Amino acid sequence: MSTMGHQKTPISLLQELSTHMGKTAQYDLIATEGAAHQQTFVFRVTVGEVVATGAGLSKKAAKHKAAESALNIIQGKVTPEEANNMSHLHTTAGEQSCPVPPSTYSESGGVLTPPDNPIGQLQELVVERGWRLPEYIVISEQGPPHCKEFTIQVKVEKFKDTGTGSSKKAAKRSAAGVLLTRLREIPPDQQDMVRDADIDEDSVPFVVRDNKTGVKPMHSARIGITWATLRNSAGEKITRLKSTSLSTPNSNYCQLLQELAEEQNFEVEYLDIAGMFAAEELSASSLHQCLVQLTTQPVTVCHGQGHTRDEAHAHAAHNALQYLKLMVRRA
């Protein structure tokens, strides 16, 4: 027995999704092509910044095609250009109902993106938050034809990240995964500022990409201390930091940072990059490299390098102290 009657059409799915996002799906007839006895209609649908078109032998079929293209764009299955190119292929009468497999969408109308689809997840995130759609740029293409490596940059508002892969699709997925993790770490009270570019990109935590397990952020169980709290603190260590020179030779920067963290109730975590990256991604000078994370709010991550692991940690701690000093002295 057929289950087609229980499947939602693209129009109804897009309507539910747009309502969930607080937006309205607006349909416009933009063209009528062909002879009077066999006309093709072209509709455009607009949902926020997502714009898609669809063509069909009836107005209803064309609207279904436009809605289907919009859903594919939001889901990240295709780019806006690819979706609109495909949607202009002439449809047949049998395509007018345009049923969509129910497993593709949630009952609430939200698009179910597979967990291994960072491109689609990033697309959904920016649409939900009202930001501009991601832009992907091929930065480089290296290697022989049988073993190419692509580097792609993804940009959302003022945030940028890059990814590499053996194909453009793999590099695009890698870049999307890195940026997706960063954007998810933006505190709710700063999300509205992203569109106006008021948020400092450097305040959003960096992520470390593990070639085996994918993208993962450095994390800690403790909720971060805000910059406002640090600036207004009368603690001995933080007060001394504001006026202390950080260029004194042989200073134990790791200890200074740890003492400050204990006073101000935030955590310090060092992550050695060696072993997290492939050998070709390590420093060309063979220096030890690390990241240090402070559970401030937003999270602070600084880089360090040195001839030994301890030197790399000290360098990272020094950079973190300099950044803390700069931030707490701001008016």
Protein backbone atom coordinates (compact mmCIF):
# COMPACT_ATOMS: atom_id res chain seq x y z
CA MET A 1 0.00 0.00 0.00
CA SER A 2 1.42 3.38 -0.99
CA THR A 3 2.38 5.87 1.72
CA MET A 4 2.58 8.82 -0.63
CA GLY A 5 -0.48 10.41 0.91
CA HIS A 6 1.26 10.65 4.27
CA GLN A 7 4.29 12.49 2.89
CA LYS A 8 4.51 16.25 3.18
CA THR A 9 5.09 18.31 0.06
CA PRO A 10 8.04 20.71 -0.23
CA ILE A 11 5.66 23.67 0.07
CA SER A 12 4.26 22.51 3.41
CA LEU A 13 7.71 21.52 4.70
CA LEU A 14 9.19 24.88 3.76
CA GLN A 15 6.24 26.67 5.34
CA GLU A 16 6.73 24.80 8.61
CA LEU A 17 10.48 25.38 8.58
CA SER A 18 10.16 29.09 7.81
CA THR A 19 7.59 29.48 10.61
CA HIS A 20 9.98 27.69 12.97
CA MET A 21 12.70 30.17 11.96
CA GLY A 22 10.38 33.15 12.40
CA LYS A 23 10.37 33.95 8.69
CA THR A 24 7.82 33.86 5.87
CA ALA A 25 8.12 31.94 2.62
CA GLN A 26 7.21 34.42 -0.14
CA TYR A 27 6.35 33.04 -3.60
CA ASP A 28 6.43 35.20 -6.75
CA LEU A 29 5.61 34.27 -10.34
CA ILE A 30 8.55 35.67 -12.29
CA ALA A 31 8.07 34.19 -15.77
CA THR A 32 5.70 32.32 -18.07
CA GLU A 33 7.41 30.58 -20.97
CA GLY A 34 6.32 28.58 -24.00
CA ALA A 35 3.23 28.35 -26.18
CA ALA A 36 -0.24 28.85 -24.73
CA HIS A 37 -1.08 25.13 -24.88
CA GLN A 38 2.13 24.08 -23.11
CA GLN A 39 3.29 26.84 -20.83
CA THR A 40 6.08 26.58 -18.28
CA PHE A 41 5.78 28.68 -15.15
CA VAL A 42 8.76 29.92 -13.13
CA PHE A 43 8.33 30.82 -9.45
CA ARG A 44 10.75 32.38 -7.02
CA VAL A 45 10.55 31.69 -3.28
CA THR A 46 12.28 33.85 -0.69
CA VAL A 47 12.88 32.81 2.92
CA GLY A 48 15.06 35.37 4.65
CA GLU A 49 18.27 35.42 2.59
CA VAL A 50 17.56 32.11 0.89
CA VAL A 51 16.24 32.67 -2.64
CA ALA A 52 15.38 29.77 -4.95
CA THR A 53 13.47 29.33 -8.19
CA GLY A 54 11.52 26.49 -9.73
CA ALA A 55 9.91 25.74 -13.09
CA GLY A 56 6.90 23.54 -13.82
CA LEU A 57 4.08 22.86 -16.25
CA SER A 58 1.64 24.30 -13.71
CA LYS A 59 1.93 27.03 -11.12
CA LYS A 60 1.60 24.48 -8.33
CA ALA A 61 4.38 22.30 -9.76
CA ALA A 62 6.64 25.33 -10.18
CA LYS A 63 6.04 26.39 -6.56
CA HIS A 64 6.83 22.85 -5.40
CA LYS A 65 10.08 22.91 -7.36
CA ALA A 66 11.03 26.30 -5.90
CA ALA A 67 10.27 25.10 -2.38
CA GLU A 68 12.26 21.90 -2.95
CA SER A 69 15.24 23.94 -4.15
CA ALA A 70 15.02 26.20 -1.09
CA LEU A 71 14.95 23.18 1.23
CA ASN A 72 18.00 21.72 -0.53
CA ILE A 73 19.87 25.00 -0.10
CA ILE A 74 19.01 25.26 3.59
CA GLN A 75 20.00 21.64 4.11
CA GLY A 76 23.30 22.26 2.39
CA LYS A 77 22.81 19.54 -0.21
CA VAL A 78 23.54 21.99 -3.01
CA THR A 79 24.72 25.55 -3.47
CA PRO A 80 22.16 28.22 -4.44
CA GLU A 81 23.57 28.20 -7.98
CA GLU A 82 23.31 24.42 -8.31
CA ALA A 83 19.79 24.36 -6.90
CA ASN A 84 18.49 27.02 -9.25
CA ASN A 85 20.18 25.47 -12.28
CA MET A 86 18.56 22.10 -11.56
CA SER A 87 15.18 23.65 -10.82
CA HIS A 88 14.91 25.09 -14.33
CA LEU A 89 14.81 21.66 -15.96
CA HIS A 90 11.33 21.22 -17.41
CA THR A 91 9.08 18.99 -15.34
CA THR A 92 6.52 16.43 -16.45
CA ALA A 93 2.95 16.07 -15.30
CA GLY A 94 3.97 13.17 -13.08
CA GLU A 95 6.28 15.43 -11.09
CA GLN A 96 3.64 17.86 -9.96
CA SER A 97 3.02 16.30 -6.56
CA CYS A 98 6.75 16.44 -5.71
CA PRO A 99 6.59 14.13 -2.67
CA VAL A 100 9.62 14.20 -0.39
CA PRO A 101 10.82 11.13 1.53
CA PRO A 102 9.66 11.57 5.12
CA SER A 103 13.01 10.45 6.49
CA THR A 104 14.61 13.61 5.12
CA TYR A 105 12.71 16.02 7.36
CA SER A 106 11.66 16.22 10.97
CA GLU A 107 8.02 16.23 12.05
CA SER A 108 8.35 19.86 13.17
CA GLY A 109 9.35 20.90 9.67
CA GLY A 110 13.04 21.25 10.50
CA VAL A 111 15.51 19.70 8.12
CA LEU A 112 17.28 16.66 9.55
CA THR A 113 20.93 17.06 8.65
CA PRO A 114 23.08 13.94 9.01
CA PRO A 115 25.63 14.33 11.81
CA ASP A 116 28.45 13.87 9.31
CA ASN A 117 27.26 16.77 7.14
CA PRO A 118 28.94 19.90 8.55
CA ILE A 119 28.14 21.83 5.37
CA GLY A 120 24.42 21.35 5.91
CA GLN A 121 24.68 21.98 9.65
CA LEU A 122 26.55 25.24 9.05
CA GLN A 123 23.94 26.26 6.49
CA GLU A 124 21.14 25.59 8.98
CA LEU A 125 22.92 27.45 11.77
CA VAL A 126 23.38 30.67 9.83
CA VAL A 127 19.79 30.59 8.54
CA GLU A 128 18.41 30.05 12.04
CA ARG A 129 20.47 32.96 13.41
CA GLY A 130 19.68 35.30 10.54
CA TRP A 131 23.25 35.58 9.25
CA ARG A 132 24.41 35.70 5.65
CA LEU A 133 24.91 32.35 3.93
CA PRO A 134 28.40 30.78 3.98
CA GLU A 135 30.79 31.71 1.17
CA TYR A 136 33.34 29.14 -0.01
CA ILE A 137 36.52 30.06 -1.88
CA VAL A 138 39.17 27.71 -3.29
CA ILE A 139 42.46 29.00 -1.85
CA SER A 140 44.85 26.51 -3.43
CA GLU A 141 45.10 23.30 -5.41
CA GLN A 142 48.36 21.40 -5.07
CA GLY A 143 49.89 18.05 -5.99
CA PRO A 144 49.85 15.76 -9.03
CA PRO A 145 46.55 14.85 -10.72
CA HIS A 146 46.29 11.51 -8.93
CA CYS A 147 47.03 12.97 -5.49
CA LYS A 148 45.70 16.51 -5.27
CA GLU A 149 45.16 18.49 -2.09
CA PHE A 150 42.63 21.31 -2.05
CA THR A 151 42.41 24.15 0.45
CA ILE A 152 39.07 25.93 0.76
CA GLN A 153 38.15 28.93 2.87
CA VAL A 154 34.65 29.39 4.28
CA LYS A 155 33.36 32.75 5.45
CA VAL A 156 30.29 33.65 7.51
CA GLU A 157 29.97 37.36 8.24
CA LYS A 158 33.50 38.31 9.44
CA PHE A 159 34.50 34.81 10.53
CA LYS A 160 36.77 32.73 8.30
CA ASP A 161 38.29 29.26 8.50
CA THR A 162 40.01 26.94 6.07
CA GLY A 163 39.99 23.22 5.44
CA THR A 164 42.02 20.83 3.31
CA GLY A 165 41.13 17.59 1.60
CA SER A 166 41.85 15.28 -1.31
CA SER A 167 38.80 16.71 -3.10
CA LYS A 168 37.04 20.04 -3.12
CA LYS A 169 34.09 18.48 -1.34
CA ALA A 170 36.29 17.05 1.42
CA ALA A 171 38.07 20.39 1.88
CA LYS A 172 34.74 22.19 1.97
CA ARG A 173 33.44 19.79 4.62
CA SER A 174 36.58 20.26 6.69
CA ALA A 175 36.36 24.06 6.55
CA ALA A 176 32.65 24.01 7.37
CA GLY A 177 33.26 21.74 10.34
CA VAL A 178 35.91 24.02 11.83
CA LEU A 179 33.81 27.17 11.43
CA LEU A 180 30.66 25.43 12.63
CA THR A 181 32.34 24.53 15.91
CA ARG A 182 33.59 28.09 16.40
CA LEU A 183 30.22 29.68 15.71
CA ARG A 184 28.46 27.31 18.11
CA GLU A 185 30.72 28.62 20.88
CA ILE A 186 29.52 32.22 20.49
CA PRO A 187 27.57 33.12 23.65
CA PRO A 188 23.84 33.76 23.12
CA ASP A 189 24.18 37.38 24.23
CA GLN A 190 26.65 38.05 21.40
CA GLN A 191 24.92 36.23 18.56
CA ASP A 192 22.86 39.25 17.53
CA MET A 193 26.05 41.31 17.15
CA VAL A 194 27.55 39.00 14.54
CA ARG A 195 25.49 40.42 11.68
CA ASP A 196 26.68 43.93 12.51
CA ALA A 197 30.30 42.71 12.84
CA ASP A 198 30.55 44.08 16.39
CA ILE A 199 31.82 40.85 17.89
CA ASP A 200 35.57 40.34 18.00
CA GLU A 201 36.51 37.31 15.91
CA ASP A 202 39.52 36.71 18.14
CA SER A 203 37.21 36.20 21.11
CA VAL A 204 35.65 33.12 19.52
CA PRO A 205 37.54 29.97 20.46
CA PHE A 206 39.78 28.23 17.99
CA VAL A 207 39.30 24.54 17.40
CA VAL A 208 41.75 21.75 16.85
CA ARG A 209 41.10 19.39 13.94
CA ASP A 210 41.93 15.77 14.53
CA ASN A 211 42.48 13.92 11.26
CA LYS A 212 40.98 10.75 12.73
CA THR A 213 38.05 11.99 14.76
CA GLY A 214 37.07 15.19 12.98
CA VAL A 215 36.58 18.60 14.56
CA LYS A 216 36.51 19.04 18.27
CA PRO A 217 36.82 22.11 20.48
CA MET A 218 39.05 22.44 23.46
CA HIS A 219 36.69 22.36 26.39
CA SER A 220 36.38 22.54 30.12
CA ALA A 221 33.60 21.78 32.56
CA ARG A 222 33.77 25.13 34.33
CA ILE A 223 31.67 28.06 33.17
CA GLY A 224 33.91 30.96 32.11
CA ILE A 225 34.43 34.25 33.91
CA THR A 226 33.41 37.32 31.91
CA TRP A 227 35.76 40.10 30.88
CA ALA A 228 33.65 42.61 32.79
CA THR A 229 34.17 40.63 35.99
CA LEU A 230 37.91 40.48 35.40
CA ARG A 231 38.14 44.22 34.72
CA ASN A 232 36.25 45.07 37.90
CA SER A 233 38.08 42.57 40.10
CA ALA A 234 40.11 43.93 43.02
CA GLY A 235 42.13 40.72 43.33
CA GLU A 236 45.82 41.05 44.10
CA LYS A 237 47.04 39.05 41.09
CA ILE A 238 44.83 40.73 38.51
CA THR A 239 45.63 44.18 39.92
CA ARG A 240 49.35 43.45 39.74
CA LEU A 241 49.03 42.18 36.18
CA LYS A 242 47.69 45.56 35.02
CA SER A 243 50.95 47.30 35.96
CA THR A 244 53.54 44.51 35.71
CA SER A 245 56.00 44.24 32.82
CA LEU A 246 55.79 40.92 31.05
CA SER A 247 59.24 41.20 29.50
CA THR A 248 61.23 40.17 32.58
CA PRO A 249 63.73 37.39 31.66
CA ASN A 250 63.39 33.96 33.28
CA SER A 251 59.87 34.65 34.58
CA ASN A 252 57.76 31.58 35.27
CA TYR A 253 54.81 32.56 33.09
CA CYS A 254 53.04 29.23 33.54
CA GLN A 255 53.04 29.70 37.31
CA LEU A 256 51.94 33.33 37.04
CA LEU A 257 49.04 32.33 34.80
CA GLN A 258 48.02 29.47 37.10
CA GLU A 259 48.06 31.71 40.18
CA LEU A 260 45.94 34.27 38.38
CA ALA A 261 43.51 31.55 37.29
CA GLU A 262 43.14 30.29 40.86
CA GLU A 263 42.46 33.79 42.15
CA GLN A 264 39.90 34.61 39.46
CA ASN A 265 38.32 31.15 39.35
CA PHE A 266 38.97 30.17 35.75
CA GLU A 267 40.80 27.16 34.37
CA VAL A 268 43.96 26.83 32.29
CA GLU A 269 44.37 23.91 29.88
CA TYR A 270 47.36 23.22 27.64
CA LEU A 271 47.00 21.17 24.48
CA ASP A 272 50.14 19.95 22.73
CA ILE A 273 49.67 20.05 18.99
CA ALA A 274 52.18 17.26 18.32
CA GLY A 275 50.20 14.10 17.69
CA MET A 276 47.01 16.03 16.92
CA PHE A 277 48.13 16.91 13.39
CA ALA A 278 49.76 15.11 10.53
CA ALA A 279 53.53 15.58 10.33
CA GLU A 280 53.29 17.92 7.36
CA GLU A 281 51.11 20.32 9.35
CA LEU A 282 53.67 20.79 12.13
CA SER A 283 56.03 23.75 12.26
CA ALA A 284 58.59 23.67 9.48
CA SER A 285 61.25 24.51 12.08
CA SER A 286 60.33 21.37 14.08
CA LEU A 287 59.48 23.47 17.14
CA HIS A 288 57.11 22.09 19.73
CA GLN A 289 53.73 23.81 19.48
CA CYS A 290 50.78 24.04 21.83
CA LEU A 291 47.59 25.92 22.59
CA VAL A 292 46.53 27.19 25.98
CA GLN A 293 42.84 27.69 26.73
CA LEU A 294 41.46 29.93 29.46
CA THR A 295 37.83 29.43 30.46
CA THR A 296 37.02 33.10 30.19
CA GLN A 297 33.72 34.03 28.60
CA PRO A 298 34.19 34.04 25.63
CA VAL A 299 36.93 31.44 25.75
CA THR A 300 40.51 32.62 25.19
CA VAL A 301 42.94 30.46 23.21
CA CYS A 302 46.58 31.40 22.62
CA HIS A 303 49.37 29.69 20.72
CA GLY A 304 52.88 28.91 21.91
CA GLN A 305 56.00 27.29 20.50
CA GLY A 306 59.49 26.43 21.67
CA HIS A 307 62.40 24.03 21.38
CA THR A 308 60.94 21.94 24.21
CA ARG A 309 57.44 21.19 25.43
CA ASP A 310 57.99 23.36 28.52
CA GLU A 311 59.22 26.27 26.41
CA ALA A 312 56.13 26.00 24.21
CA HIS A 313 53.88 26.06 27.29
CA ALA A 314 55.75 29.05 28.71
CA HIS A 315 55.42 30.91 25.40
CA ALA A 316 51.68 30.20 25.28
CA ALA A 317 51.26 31.30 28.91
CA HIS A 318 53.20 34.50 28.16
CA ASN A 319 50.93 35.25 25.21
CA ALA A 320 47.86 34.55 27.33
CA LEU A 321 49.07 36.91 30.08
CA GLN A 322 49.72 39.64 27.53
CA TYR A 323 46.22 39.20 26.14
CA LEU A 324 44.68 39.22 29.62
CA LYS A 325 46.61 42.37 30.49
CA LEU A 326 45.38 44.08 27.33
CA MET A 327 41.75 43.09 27.92
CA VAL A 328 41.53 44.00 31.61
CA ARG A 329 43.07 47.43 30.99
CA ARG A 330 40.41 48.34 28.45
CA ALA A 331 38.04 51.02 29.62
